[in-house]
């Protein structure tokens, strides 16, 4: 991204890059007139998939497929990020949620757009195949405390997948395991349980079959350097080297997304969050974790073009 070189860092801004759960059909329509829309062609060629078609004309039901949702979400986030740079805003801090870590790595300059797209293509296809080996999904749980979270570890075939806030987590599991969660969530201390429309039991041991394939792809890309601060999902700490990120992206497949911990790792000097398209899920999560002076989630190109920081 040559646009990066001419802008000073903003130490008060963090950009949030969403995961695949934020995507819906037709999400690209509001961004198609961006001058950066041609990046979609580069991503499509690298991923060997018509990403523009996914963003413009795929239904809600079709676009949530893991091997489609990941690359489409990544593409739209990159277009949004380039538009943010056009506004003269280059954030020092980058924080992705699951798939969003790949978007953050491209935004930082550690990965090229093409390598980011290729890795996501491999990751999405490998995760989809792993999901077919053992049928599973994910459930969001709200309104629990430490005791409620601890009770989950006593259940069979259920794993904590996302720690999104003090009282909000997502669990992955087999169909049988999640049925127990849905039936017993109030008994073990959770106020609400909501099944998620995802293609598998992500961030759990059931994704282990995808790891070797992703590891091979991670070892084959060329990595750059960065002065940005990227906070990892696996441990909620800042990492900036290629060697660290190879291991972190591999571990992320089967480890929980520590979004709560990662958000709390942001210094108090970070007063502004800007969430990339699609959606505003991470903006809602961060509001429940700590206070920021400004939180933006431009859902359309026109909204992004009105951003002034």
Protein backbone atom coordinates (compact mmCIF):
# COMPACT_ATOMS: atom_id res chain seq x y z
CA UNK A 1 0.00 0.00 0.00
CA UNK A 2 2.04 2.98 -1.23
CA UNK A 3 -0.43 5.38 0.41
CA UNK A 4 1.02 4.42 3.79
CA UNK A 5 4.39 6.06 3.26
CA UNK A 6 3.32 9.69 3.15
CA UNK A 7 1.14 9.89 6.24
CA UNK A 8 2.23 10.33 9.87
CA UNK A 9 0.87 7.89 12.44
CA UNK A 10 -2.04 8.84 14.65
CA UNK A 11 -1.26 7.45 18.11
CA UNK A 12 -4.77 8.25 19.34
CA UNK A 13 -6.59 6.06 16.80
CA UNK A 14 -7.21 2.32 16.57
CA UNK A 15 -8.78 0.73 13.53
CA UNK A 16 -10.96 -2.32 14.15
CA UNK A 17 -11.15 -5.03 11.47
CA UNK A 18 -14.22 -7.29 11.72
CA UNK A 19 -14.52 -11.04 11.33
CA UNK A 20 -16.77 -12.87 8.92
CA UNK A 21 -19.85 -12.68 11.14
CA UNK A 22 -20.38 -9.04 10.17
CA UNK A 23 -21.09 -9.76 6.50
CA UNK A 24 -24.48 -9.72 4.77
CA UNK A 25 -25.62 -10.02 1.17
CA UNK A 26 -25.01 -6.98 -1.03
CA UNK A 27 -22.57 -5.43 1.46
CA UNK A 28 -20.40 -4.09 -1.34
CA UNK A 29 -23.09 -2.05 -3.08
CA UNK A 30 -22.50 0.99 -0.86
CA UNK A 31 -18.75 0.92 -1.66
CA UNK A 32 -18.72 0.14 -5.37
CA UNK A 33 -18.04 3.74 -6.39
CA UNK A 34 -14.87 3.93 -4.28
CA UNK A 35 -11.74 4.78 -6.25
CA UNK A 36 -10.18 1.78 -4.50
CA UNK A 37 -12.79 -0.71 -5.74
CA UNK A 38 -10.22 -1.93 -8.29
CA UNK A 39 -8.38 -3.58 -5.39
CA UNK A 40 -11.19 -6.14 -5.52
CA UNK A 41 -9.82 -7.32 -8.87
CA UNK A 42 -6.38 -7.92 -7.34
CA UNK A 43 -7.96 -9.82 -4.47
CA UNK A 44 -10.14 -11.87 -6.83
CA UNK A 45 -7.14 -12.88 -8.94
CA UNK A 46 -5.08 -13.87 -5.91
CA UNK A 47 -7.96 -15.81 -4.33
CA UNK A 48 -9.14 -17.26 -7.67
CA UNK A 49 -12.68 -16.22 -6.90
CA UNK A 50 -15.01 -13.49 -8.15
CA UNK A 51 -15.05 -11.43 -4.97
CA UNK A 52 -16.94 -8.53 -6.55
CA UNK A 53 -19.83 -10.86 -7.34
CA UNK A 54 -19.84 -12.08 -3.73
CA UNK A 55 -20.03 -8.52 -2.44
CA UNK A 56 -22.62 -7.25 -4.87
CA UNK A 57 -25.11 -9.99 -5.64
CA UNK A 58 -24.77 -12.90 -3.22
CA UNK A 59 -27.66 -13.58 -0.85
CA UNK A 60 -27.36 -13.56 2.94
CA UNK A 61 -27.61 -17.34 3.01
CA UNK A 62 -24.92 -17.91 0.39
CA UNK A 63 -22.45 -15.31 1.62
CA UNK A 64 -22.10 -16.80 5.11
CA UNK A 65 -20.32 -19.86 3.70
CA UNK A 66 -16.88 -19.86 5.31
CA UNK A 67 -14.93 -20.07 2.05
CA UNK A 68 -16.85 -17.03 0.73
CA UNK A 69 -17.47 -14.86 3.78
CA UNK A 70 -13.83 -14.58 4.79
CA UNK A 71 -12.45 -13.28 1.51
CA UNK A 72 -15.43 -10.97 0.92
CA UNK A 73 -15.13 -9.43 4.39
CA UNK A 74 -11.39 -8.96 3.97
CA UNK A 75 -11.84 -7.26 0.58
CA UNK A 76 -14.41 -4.78 1.86
CA UNK A 77 -12.31 -3.97 4.94
CA UNK A 78 -9.30 -3.18 2.73
CA UNK A 79 -11.34 -0.86 0.51
CA UNK A 80 -12.60 0.89 3.64
CA UNK A 81 -9.10 1.21 5.06
CA UNK A 82 -7.75 2.79 1.88
CA UNK A 83 -10.62 5.26 1.98
CA UNK A 84 -9.68 6.10 5.58
CA UNK A 85 -6.12 6.80 4.46
CA UNK A 86 -7.61 9.16 1.87
CA UNK A 87 -9.10 11.08 4.76
CA UNK A 88 -5.54 11.59 6.05
CA UNK A 89 -5.91 9.16 8.97
CA UNK A 90 -3.19 6.53 9.45
CA UNK A 91 -3.69 4.77 12.78
CA UNK A 92 -0.84 3.49 14.89
CA UNK A 93 -2.97 0.71 16.42
CA UNK A 94 -4.65 -2.08 14.47
CA UNK A 95 -6.92 -4.70 16.03
CA UNK A 96 -8.65 -7.45 14.08
CA UNK A 97 -11.19 -10.00 15.27
CA UNK A 98 -10.40 -13.51 13.98
CA UNK A 99 -10.32 -13.14 10.17
CA UNK A 100 -9.83 -9.40 10.78
CA UNK A 101 -6.25 -10.08 11.85
CA UNK A 102 -5.38 -10.78 8.21
CA UNK A 103 -6.92 -7.45 7.22
CA UNK A 104 -4.90 -5.73 9.95
CA UNK A 105 -1.68 -7.37 8.76
CA UNK A 106 -2.26 -6.12 5.21
CA UNK A 107 -3.12 -2.64 6.50
CA UNK A 108 0.12 -2.62 8.50
CA UNK A 109 2.28 -3.54 5.52
CA UNK A 110 3.41 -6.88 6.97
CA UNK A 111 1.47 -8.67 4.23
CA UNK A 112 0.72 -7.64 0.66
CA UNK A 113 -2.89 -7.55 -0.49
CA UNK A 114 -2.22 -10.55 -2.74
CA UNK A 115 -0.60 -12.64 -0.01
CA UNK A 116 -3.35 -11.70 2.41
CA UNK A 117 -5.96 -12.83 -0.11
CA UNK A 118 -4.13 -16.10 -0.82
CA UNK A 119 -3.80 -16.91 2.88
CA UNK A 120 -7.47 -16.20 3.49
CA UNK A 121 -8.42 -18.38 0.52
CA UNK A 122 -6.41 -21.27 1.96
CA UNK A 123 -7.70 -20.65 5.48
CA UNK A 124 -11.35 -20.41 4.47
CA UNK A 125 -11.26 -23.55 2.32
CA UNK A 126 -9.35 -25.53 4.97
CA UNK A 127 -11.76 -24.45 7.71
CA UNK A 128 -14.75 -25.39 5.55
CA UNK A 129 -13.29 -28.87 5.01
CA UNK A 130 -12.56 -29.25 8.73
CA UNK A 131 -16.14 -28.24 9.49
CA UNK A 132 -17.44 -31.04 7.27
CA UNK A 133 -15.45 -33.64 9.21
CA UNK A 134 -17.35 -32.92 12.43
CA UNK A 135 -20.66 -31.08 12.35
CA UNK A 136 -20.60 -28.11 14.68
CA UNK A 137 -21.40 -24.44 15.10
CA UNK A 138 -21.24 -21.54 17.57
CA UNK A 139 -23.51 -19.98 20.20
CA UNK A 140 -23.27 -16.50 21.71
CA UNK A 141 -23.82 -16.28 25.46
CA UNK A 142 -24.78 -13.09 27.29
CA UNK A 143 -25.19 -12.05 30.91
CA UNK A 144 -22.87 -14.45 32.69
CA UNK A 145 -20.18 -14.09 35.35
CA UNK A 146 -16.95 -15.93 36.09
CA UNK A 147 -18.90 -18.83 37.59
CA UNK A 148 -21.01 -19.15 34.46
CA UNK A 149 -17.89 -19.18 32.32
CA UNK A 150 -16.25 -21.78 34.52
CA UNK A 151 -19.31 -24.02 34.21
CA UNK A 152 -18.72 -24.26 30.47
CA UNK A 153 -15.48 -26.14 31.02
CA UNK A 154 -17.46 -28.96 32.60
CA UNK A 155 -19.49 -29.56 29.42
CA UNK A 156 -18.48 -32.12 26.81
CA UNK A 157 -17.74 -31.12 23.20
CA UNK A 158 -18.01 -27.37 23.96
CA UNK A 159 -15.13 -24.86 23.92
CA UNK A 160 -14.86 -21.13 24.63
CA UNK A 161 -14.16 -19.54 21.22
CA UNK A 162 -14.48 -15.76 21.64
CA UNK A 163 -14.16 -13.69 24.80
CA UNK A 164 -15.85 -10.53 23.58
CA UNK A 165 -16.57 -8.73 26.83
CA UNK A 166 -16.91 -9.08 30.60
CA UNK A 167 -20.23 -10.91 30.27
CA UNK A 168 -20.32 -11.88 26.60
CA UNK A 169 -18.61 -14.89 25.07
CA UNK A 170 -19.08 -17.24 22.15
CA UNK A 171 -18.71 -20.99 22.43
CA UNK A 172 -17.98 -23.51 19.71
CA UNK A 173 -19.02 -27.11 19.82
CA UNK A 174 -20.48 -30.15 18.21
CA UNK A 175 -24.18 -30.19 17.44
CA UNK A 176 -24.81 -32.33 20.51
CA UNK A 177 -22.63 -30.16 22.75
CA UNK A 178 -24.32 -26.92 21.71
CA UNK A 179 -27.76 -28.44 22.20
CA UNK A 180 -26.84 -28.88 25.87
CA UNK A 181 -25.71 -25.23 26.03
CA UNK A 182 -28.95 -23.98 24.50
CA UNK A 183 -31.07 -26.11 26.82
CA UNK A 184 -29.13 -25.45 30.02
CA UNK A 185 -27.67 -21.95 29.63
CA UNK A 186 -29.86 -20.37 32.32
CA UNK A 187 -29.19 -23.23 34.69
CA UNK A 188 -25.42 -22.66 34.44
CA UNK A 189 -25.67 -18.88 34.77
CA UNK A 190 -26.20 -17.30 31.33
CA UNK A 191 -29.12 -14.96 30.71
CA UNK A 192 -29.33 -15.49 26.96
CA UNK A 193 -28.03 -17.98 24.38
CA UNK A 194 -28.18 -17.23 20.65
CA UNK A 195 -27.19 -19.67 17.88
CA UNK A 196 -24.94 -18.04 15.26
CA UNK A 197 -25.28 -18.50 11.50
CA UNK A 198 -21.73 -19.72 10.88
CA UNK A 199 -20.31 -22.65 8.97
CA UNK A 200 -18.49 -24.49 11.72
CA UNK A 201 -17.09 -24.69 15.25
CA UNK A 202 -14.37 -22.09 14.77
CA UNK A 203 -11.55 -21.38 17.25
CA UNK A 204 -11.87 -24.83 18.74
CA UNK A 205 -10.00 -28.15 18.51
CA UNK A 206 -12.40 -29.13 15.70
CA UNK A 207 -10.42 -26.79 13.42
CA UNK A 208 -7.16 -28.69 13.97
CA UNK A 209 -7.37 -30.47 10.57
CA UNK A 210 -7.00 -27.06 8.88
CA UNK A 211 -3.81 -26.14 10.71
CA UNK A 212 -1.22 -27.99 8.62
CA UNK A 213 -2.57 -26.53 5.39
CA UNK A 214 -2.53 -22.99 6.77
CA UNK A 215 0.96 -23.47 8.22
CA UNK A 216 2.28 -24.44 4.78
CA UNK A 217 0.73 -21.34 3.23
CA UNK A 218 2.07 -19.10 6.00
CA UNK A 219 5.61 -20.32 5.38
CA UNK A 220 5.39 -19.50 1.66
CA UNK A 221 4.50 -15.78 1.74
CA UNK A 222 6.88 -12.82 1.83
CA UNK A 223 6.59 -10.67 4.92
CA UNK A 224 7.32 -6.98 5.22
CA UNK A 225 8.03 -4.76 8.21
CA UNK A 226 5.82 -2.34 10.08
CA UNK A 227 5.84 0.52 12.57
CA UNK A 228 2.17 -0.04 13.40
CA UNK A 229 1.10 -1.75 16.62
CA UNK A 230 -0.87 -4.95 16.01
CA UNK A 231 -2.56 -6.56 18.99
CA UNK A 232 -3.05 -10.32 18.68
CA UNK A 233 -6.21 -12.29 19.39
CA UNK A 234 -4.35 -15.22 20.92
CA UNK A 235 -2.73 -13.36 23.83
CA UNK A 236 -3.92 -9.74 23.72
CA UNK A 237 -0.37 -8.45 23.26
CA UNK A 238 1.41 -6.31 20.66
CA UNK A 239 3.39 -8.25 18.03
CA UNK A 240 5.16 -6.74 15.04
CA UNK A 241 7.44 -9.41 13.56
CA UNK A 242 6.70 -11.89 10.78
CA UNK A 243 8.04 -14.79 12.84
CA UNK A 244 5.60 -14.04 15.66
CA UNK A 245 2.63 -13.65 13.34
CA UNK A 246 3.23 -16.95 11.53
CA UNK A 247 2.81 -18.75 14.85
CA UNK A 248 -0.05 -16.54 16.06
CA UNK A 249 -2.17 -17.02 12.93
CA UNK A 250 -1.68 -20.76 13.16
CA UNK A 251 -2.62 -20.90 16.85
CA UNK A 252 -5.61 -18.65 16.25
CA UNK A 253 -7.42 -21.44 14.35
CA UNK A 254 -7.90 -23.52 17.48
CA UNK A 255 -7.51 -20.91 20.25
CA UNK A 256 -10.05 -18.47 21.69
CA UNK A 257 -10.23 -14.92 20.36
CA UNK A 258 -9.24 -12.84 23.40
CA UNK A 259 -10.95 -9.65 22.19
CA UNK A 260 -11.64 -8.39 25.71
CA UNK A 261 -7.98 -8.71 26.65
CA UNK A 262 -6.80 -7.17 23.36
CA UNK A 263 -9.05 -4.13 23.77
CA UNK A 264 -7.86 -3.57 27.33
CA UNK A 265 -4.28 -3.70 26.03
CA UNK A 266 -4.82 -0.45 24.12
CA UNK A 267 -3.16 2.45 25.96
CA UNK A 268 -5.29 5.22 27.43
CA UNK A 269 -3.86 7.54 24.78
CA UNK A 270 -6.07 5.74 22.24
CA UNK A 271 -9.26 7.77 22.33
CA UNK A 272 -10.81 6.98 18.93
CA UNK A 273 -11.95 3.77 17.26
CA UNK A 274 -12.85 3.44 13.58
CA UNK A 275 -14.38 0.14 12.49
CA UNK A 276 -13.91 -1.00 8.92
CA UNK A 277 -16.81 -2.34 6.87
CA UNK A 278 -18.86 -4.40 6.96
CA UNK A 279 -20.91 -3.84 10.11
CA UNK A 280 -20.45 -2.27 13.52
CA UNK A 281 -20.18 -5.35 15.73
CA UNK A 282 -16.75 -4.50 17.15
CA UNK A 283 -17.79 -0.93 17.94
CA UNK A 284 -20.58 -2.33 20.08
CA UNK A 285 -18.21 -4.74 21.82
CA UNK A 286 -15.57 -2.13 22.62
CA UNK A 287 -18.20 0.20 24.10
CA UNK A 288 -18.89 -2.42 26.74
CA UNK A 289 -15.20 -2.90 27.55
CA UNK A 290 -13.85 0.63 28.05
CA UNK A 291 -14.71 4.22 27.19
CA UNK A 292 -13.49 6.06 24.09
CA UNK A 293 -14.12 9.68 23.19
CA UNK A 294 -15.05 8.94 19.55
CA UNK A 295 -16.29 5.70 17.99
CA UNK A 296 -17.05 5.50 14.28
CA UNK A 297 -18.28 2.66 12.09
CA UNK A 298 -18.92 4.11 8.62
CA UNK A 299 -21.26 1.67 6.88
CA UNK A 300 -21.14 3.31 3.45
CA UNK A 301 -18.64 5.12 1.27
CA UNK A 302 -20.45 8.42 1.80
CA UNK A 303 -20.23 7.96 5.58
CA UNK A 304 -16.51 7.21 5.33
CA UNK A 305 -15.96 10.30 3.20
CA UNK A 306 -17.49 12.39 6.00
CA UNK A 307 -14.98 11.10 8.57
CA UNK A 308 -12.92 13.96 9.96
CA UNK A 309 -10.46 13.28 12.76
